[in-house]
Amino acid sequence: MLKPALYLNFFLAFGLLQIGCTSLQKEESLSLSKINIIVFLGVECPISQQYSLTLEKLKDQFDSIDSMTFTAIFPEQILLSEANEFLNTYALSFDNFIDKDMDWVK
């Protein structure tokens, strides 16, 4: 179920880096009281792989802000173990969400 809220999104989707804003959030995965940094990643995407160090540095820089969370969304048909392997391989300490139906990228 979608719930209205306003939060900042940080997108890295298929090589496009942009900062945007949206008014919808997934109730089960994001909090209304937090700033949610959302990063779209692909396990085989070389740009996702190359930006992993930069993304982790950004997370470390803002980690002291309690009201901020970082979430990696994988808009593809993969297993949770594949997403976790990607995060471990590229040293990303993000929560993750697999968007098998690609609802977040539509």
N, C-alpha and C. Protein backbone atom coordinates (compact mmCIF):
# COMPACT_ATOMS: atom_id res chain seq x y z
N MET A 1 0.84 -1.17 0.00
CA MET A 1 0.00 0.00 0.00
C MET A 1 0.89 1.24 0.00
N LEU A 2 0.53 2.22 -0.82
CA LEU A 2 1.28 3.46 -0.89
C LEU A 2 0.70 4.49 0.06
N LYS A 3 1.55 5.26 0.66
CA LYS A 3 1.14 6.24 1.64
C LYS A 3 1.80 7.58 1.30
N PRO A 4 1.07 8.70 1.35
CA PRO A 4 1.69 9.97 1.00
C PRO A 4 2.73 10.40 2.03
N ALA A 5 3.81 10.92 1.53
CA ALA A 5 4.88 11.48 2.37
C ALA A 5 5.80 12.24 1.44
N LEU A 6 6.61 13.08 2.01
CA LEU A 6 7.56 13.82 1.19
C LEU A 6 8.94 13.51 1.72
N TYR A 7 9.81 13.01 0.89
CA TYR A 7 11.15 12.69 1.32
C TYR A 7 12.11 12.83 0.15
N LEU A 8 13.37 12.91 0.46
CA LEU A 8 14.40 13.09 -0.54
C LEU A 8 14.86 11.74 -1.06
N ASN A 9 14.99 11.64 -2.35
CA ASN A 9 15.50 10.42 -2.96
C ASN A 9 16.82 10.73 -3.66
N PHE A 10 17.75 9.86 -3.54
CA PHE A 10 19.02 9.95 -4.23
C PHE A 10 19.05 8.77 -5.18
N PHE A 11 18.96 9.05 -6.47
CA PHE A 11 18.81 7.97 -7.44
C PHE A 11 20.10 7.70 -8.20
N LEU A 12 20.45 6.47 -8.31
CA LEU A 12 21.47 6.01 -9.24
C LEU A 12 20.79 4.88 -10.01
N ALA A 13 20.23 5.22 -11.14
CA ALA A 13 19.43 4.24 -11.87
C ALA A 13 19.97 4.11 -13.28
N PHE A 14 20.50 2.97 -13.59
CA PHE A 14 20.98 2.67 -14.92
C PHE A 14 21.91 3.77 -15.44
N GLY A 15 22.79 4.23 -14.57
CA GLY A 15 23.80 5.19 -14.98
C GLY A 15 23.38 6.64 -14.88
N LEU A 16 22.17 6.92 -14.49
CA LEU A 16 21.72 8.30 -14.38
C LEU A 16 21.73 8.70 -12.92
N LEU A 17 22.48 9.71 -12.61
CA LEU A 17 22.58 10.17 -11.23
C LEU A 17 21.78 11.46 -11.12
N GLN A 18 20.81 11.47 -10.25
CA GLN A 18 19.99 12.68 -10.09
C GLN A 18 19.44 12.73 -8.68
N ILE A 19 19.11 13.92 -8.25
CA ILE A 19 18.46 14.08 -6.96
C ILE A 19 17.04 14.51 -7.25
N GLY A 20 16.10 13.87 -6.60
CA GLY A 20 14.71 14.19 -6.87
C GLY A 20 13.88 14.10 -5.62
N CYS A 21 12.62 14.25 -5.80
CA CYS A 21 11.70 14.30 -4.69
C CYS A 21 10.43 13.58 -5.13
N THR A 22 9.80 12.87 -4.25
CA THR A 22 8.57 12.17 -4.60
C THR A 22 7.58 12.29 -3.45
N SER A 23 6.34 11.98 -3.73
CA SER A 23 5.33 12.10 -2.68
C SER A 23 4.72 10.75 -2.32
N LEU A 24 5.34 9.67 -2.74
CA LEU A 24 4.82 8.35 -2.41
C LEU A 24 5.93 7.53 -1.77
N GLN A 25 5.56 6.68 -0.88
CA GLN A 25 6.54 5.76 -0.31
C GLN A 25 5.87 4.44 0.00
N LYS A 26 6.65 3.41 0.03
CA LYS A 26 6.14 2.09 0.38
C LYS A 26 6.10 1.97 1.88
N GLU A 27 4.93 1.78 2.40
CA GLU A 27 4.70 1.75 3.85
C GLU A 27 5.55 0.70 4.55
N GLU A 28 5.72 -0.46 3.91
CA GLU A 28 6.42 -1.54 4.59
C GLU A 28 7.93 -1.39 4.60
N SER A 29 8.50 -0.51 3.77
CA SER A 29 9.95 -0.47 3.70
C SER A 29 10.57 0.87 4.07
N LEU A 30 9.78 1.91 4.17
CA LEU A 30 10.32 3.23 4.46
C LEU A 30 9.52 3.91 5.56
N SER A 31 10.16 4.78 6.29
CA SER A 31 9.53 5.45 7.42
C SER A 31 9.11 6.86 7.05
N LEU A 32 7.98 7.29 7.59
CA LEU A 32 7.51 8.65 7.36
C LEU A 32 8.37 9.69 8.08
N SER A 33 9.00 9.30 9.15
CA SER A 33 9.73 10.26 9.98
C SER A 33 11.21 10.36 9.62
N LYS A 34 11.63 9.70 8.55
CA LYS A 34 13.03 9.70 8.18
C LYS A 34 13.23 10.21 6.76
N ILE A 35 14.44 10.67 6.50
CA ILE A 35 14.85 10.99 5.14
C ILE A 35 15.35 9.67 4.56
N ASN A 36 14.79 9.27 3.45
CA ASN A 36 15.12 7.99 2.83
C ASN A 36 15.94 8.23 1.57
N ILE A 37 17.21 7.85 1.60
CA ILE A 37 18.06 7.92 0.43
C ILE A 37 17.92 6.59 -0.29
N ILE A 38 17.40 6.65 -1.51
CA ILE A 38 17.12 5.45 -2.27
C ILE A 38 18.07 5.40 -3.46
N VAL A 39 18.76 4.28 -3.59
CA VAL A 39 19.72 4.10 -4.67
C VAL A 39 19.27 2.88 -5.48
N PHE A 40 19.06 3.08 -6.77
CA PHE A 40 18.69 1.97 -7.64
C PHE A 40 19.98 1.37 -8.20
N LEU A 41 20.15 0.07 -7.99
CA LEU A 41 21.36 -0.61 -8.42
C LEU A 41 21.03 -1.83 -9.25
N GLY A 42 21.94 -2.20 -10.12
CA GLY A 42 21.83 -3.44 -10.88
C GLY A 42 23.04 -4.29 -10.60
N VAL A 43 22.85 -5.57 -10.30
CA VAL A 43 23.97 -6.42 -9.90
C VAL A 43 25.01 -6.57 -11.00
N GLU A 44 24.61 -6.46 -12.26
CA GLU A 44 25.56 -6.59 -13.36
C GLU A 44 25.88 -5.25 -14.01
N CYS A 45 25.40 -4.17 -13.45
CA CYS A 45 25.62 -2.84 -14.02
C CYS A 45 27.00 -2.31 -13.63
N PRO A 46 27.86 -2.03 -14.60
CA PRO A 46 29.20 -1.54 -14.27
C PRO A 46 29.17 -0.16 -13.59
N ILE A 47 28.18 0.63 -13.89
CA ILE A 47 28.09 1.95 -13.24
C ILE A 47 27.72 1.78 -11.77
N SER A 48 26.80 0.87 -11.47
CA SER A 48 26.47 0.57 -10.08
C SER A 48 27.71 0.10 -9.33
N GLN A 49 28.49 -0.73 -9.98
CA GLN A 49 29.71 -1.25 -9.37
C GLN A 49 30.73 -0.12 -9.14
N GLN A 50 30.90 0.75 -10.12
CA GLN A 50 31.89 1.82 -10.01
C GLN A 50 31.50 2.88 -8.98
N TYR A 51 30.21 3.12 -8.81
CA TYR A 51 29.76 4.15 -7.86
C TYR A 51 29.64 3.62 -6.43
N SER A 52 29.88 2.34 -6.22
CA SER A 52 29.68 1.77 -4.89
C SER A 52 30.55 2.44 -3.83
N LEU A 53 31.80 2.72 -4.13
CA LEU A 53 32.68 3.36 -3.16
C LEU A 53 32.18 4.77 -2.82
N THR A 54 31.77 5.52 -3.84
CA THR A 54 31.24 6.87 -3.63
C THR A 54 29.97 6.82 -2.80
N LEU A 55 29.10 5.88 -3.09
CA LEU A 55 27.84 5.76 -2.34
C LEU A 55 28.10 5.41 -0.88
N GLU A 56 29.05 4.52 -0.64
CA GLU A 56 29.36 4.15 0.75
C GLU A 56 29.98 5.33 1.49
N LYS A 57 30.81 6.11 0.80
CA LYS A 57 31.38 7.31 1.43
C LYS A 57 30.29 8.31 1.80
N LEU A 58 29.30 8.48 0.92
CA LEU A 58 28.18 9.36 1.23
C LEU A 58 27.41 8.85 2.44
N LYS A 59 27.17 7.55 2.47
CA LYS A 59 26.46 6.97 3.61
C LYS A 59 27.25 7.20 4.89
N ASP A 60 28.55 6.97 4.86
CA ASP A 60 29.39 7.19 6.04
C ASP A 60 29.35 8.65 6.49
N GLN A 61 29.35 9.54 5.51
CA GLN A 61 29.33 10.98 5.81
C GLN A 61 28.05 11.39 6.53
N PHE A 62 26.93 10.78 6.16
CA PHE A 62 25.65 11.17 6.72
C PHE A 62 25.11 10.16 7.73
N ASP A 63 25.90 9.16 8.06
CA ASP A 63 25.47 8.11 8.97
C ASP A 63 25.13 8.62 10.37
N SER A 64 25.72 9.72 10.74
CA SER A 64 25.48 10.26 12.09
C SER A 64 24.09 10.89 12.23
N ILE A 65 23.41 11.10 11.11
CA ILE A 65 22.07 11.68 11.16
C ILE A 65 21.08 10.53 11.39
N ASP A 66 20.49 10.50 12.57
CA ASP A 66 19.60 9.40 12.94
C ASP A 66 18.35 9.32 12.06
N SER A 67 17.92 10.45 11.54
CA SER A 67 16.68 10.47 10.77
C SER A 67 16.90 10.16 9.28
N MET A 68 18.05 9.60 8.93
CA MET A 68 18.36 9.31 7.53
C MET A 68 18.66 7.82 7.35
N THR A 69 18.04 7.22 6.35
CA THR A 69 18.31 5.82 6.03
C THR A 69 18.73 5.72 4.56
N PHE A 70 19.55 4.73 4.26
CA PHE A 70 19.99 4.46 2.90
C PHE A 70 19.46 3.09 2.51
N THR A 71 18.80 3.01 1.37
CA THR A 71 18.22 1.76 0.89
C THR A 71 18.61 1.55 -0.57
N ALA A 72 19.09 0.36 -0.88
CA ALA A 72 19.38 -0.03 -2.26
C ALA A 72 18.17 -0.78 -2.79
N ILE A 73 17.69 -0.34 -3.95
CA ILE A 73 16.59 -1.04 -4.61
C ILE A 73 17.14 -1.69 -5.87
N PHE A 74 16.90 -2.97 -6.00
CA PHE A 74 17.33 -3.72 -7.17
C PHE A 74 16.09 -3.98 -8.04
N PRO A 75 15.90 -3.22 -9.12
CA PRO A 75 14.71 -3.39 -9.97
C PRO A 75 14.92 -4.50 -11.00
N GLU A 76 15.01 -5.70 -10.51
CA GLU A 76 15.26 -6.83 -11.40
C GLU A 76 14.82 -8.13 -10.74
N GLN A 77 14.77 -9.17 -11.54
CA GLN A 77 14.36 -10.48 -11.06
C GLN A 77 15.59 -11.21 -10.51
N ILE A 78 15.93 -10.93 -9.26
CA ILE A 78 17.07 -11.59 -8.63
C ILE A 78 16.66 -12.13 -7.27
N LEU A 79 17.49 -12.97 -6.73
CA LEU A 79 17.26 -13.51 -5.39
C LEU A 79 17.85 -12.55 -4.36
N LEU A 80 17.33 -12.63 -3.16
CA LEU A 80 17.86 -11.82 -2.06
C LEU A 80 19.35 -12.11 -1.86
N SER A 81 19.74 -13.36 -2.00
CA SER A 81 21.15 -13.73 -1.83
C SER A 81 22.04 -13.04 -2.86
N GLU A 82 21.53 -12.83 -4.09
CA GLU A 82 22.30 -12.13 -5.12
C GLU A 82 22.47 -10.65 -4.77
N ALA A 83 21.42 -10.05 -4.24
CA ALA A 83 21.50 -8.66 -3.82
C ALA A 83 22.49 -8.51 -2.67
N ASN A 84 22.41 -9.41 -1.70
CA ASN A 84 23.33 -9.37 -0.57
C ASN A 84 24.77 -9.61 -1.00
N GLU A 85 24.96 -10.49 -1.96
CA GLU A 85 26.31 -10.74 -2.48
C GLU A 85 26.87 -9.49 -3.14
N PHE A 86 26.03 -8.79 -3.92
CA PHE A 86 26.47 -7.54 -4.54
C PHE A 86 26.88 -6.53 -3.47
N LEU A 87 26.03 -6.37 -2.46
CA LEU A 87 26.32 -5.40 -1.39
C LEU A 87 27.60 -5.78 -0.65
N ASN A 88 27.82 -7.06 -0.41
CA ASN A 88 29.05 -7.51 0.26
C ASN A 88 30.27 -7.33 -0.63
N THR A 89 30.15 -7.70 -1.90
CA THR A 89 31.27 -7.60 -2.84
C THR A 89 31.75 -6.16 -2.97
N TYR A 90 30.80 -5.23 -3.04
CA TYR A 90 31.14 -3.82 -3.25
C TYR A 90 31.09 -3.01 -1.96
N ALA A 91 31.09 -3.70 -0.83
CA ALA A 91 31.21 -3.08 0.50
C ALA A 91 30.18 -1.98 0.76
N LEU A 92 28.92 -2.27 0.41
CA LEU A 92 27.82 -1.33 0.67
C LEU A 92 27.04 -1.83 1.88
N SER A 93 26.89 -0.96 2.85
CA SER A 93 26.15 -1.34 4.07
C SER A 93 24.74 -0.74 4.05
N PHE A 94 24.04 -0.94 2.94
CA PHE A 94 22.69 -0.42 2.76
C PHE A 94 21.67 -1.51 3.08
N ASP A 95 20.49 -1.09 3.54
CA ASP A 95 19.35 -2.00 3.55
C ASP A 95 19.03 -2.25 2.08
N ASN A 96 18.33 -3.35 1.79
CA ASN A 96 18.00 -3.57 0.38
C ASN A 96 16.58 -4.05 0.20
N PHE A 97 16.10 -3.83 -0.99
CA PHE A 97 14.73 -4.16 -1.38
C PHE A 97 14.79 -4.62 -2.83
N ILE A 98 14.23 -5.77 -3.12
CA ILE A 98 14.19 -6.26 -4.49
C ILE A 98 12.84 -5.93 -5.09
N ASP A 99 12.86 -5.15 -6.14
CA ASP A 99 11.66 -4.68 -6.82
C ASP A 99 11.41 -5.54 -8.06
N LYS A 100 10.97 -6.78 -7.83
CA LYS A 100 10.80 -7.74 -8.93
C LYS A 100 9.78 -7.27 -9.97
N ASP A 101 8.75 -6.57 -9.52
CA ASP A 101 7.72 -6.09 -10.44
C ASP A 101 8.05 -4.72 -11.01
N MET A 102 9.18 -4.16 -10.61
CA MET A 102 9.66 -2.85 -11.06
C MET A 102 8.66 -1.74 -10.81
N ASP A 103 7.98 -1.80 -9.67
CA ASP A 103 7.02 -0.76 -9.30
C ASP A 103 7.70 0.57 -9.02
N TRP A 104 8.93 0.53 -8.51
CA TRP A 104 9.63 1.76 -8.13
C TRP A 104 10.23 2.48 -9.32
N VAL A 105 10.40 1.83 -10.44
CA VAL A 105 11.02 2.47 -11.60
C VAL A 105 10.01 2.82 -12.69
N LYS A 106 8.76 2.57 -12.45
CA LYS A 106 7.72 2.89 -13.44
C LYS A 106 7.35 4.35 -13.36
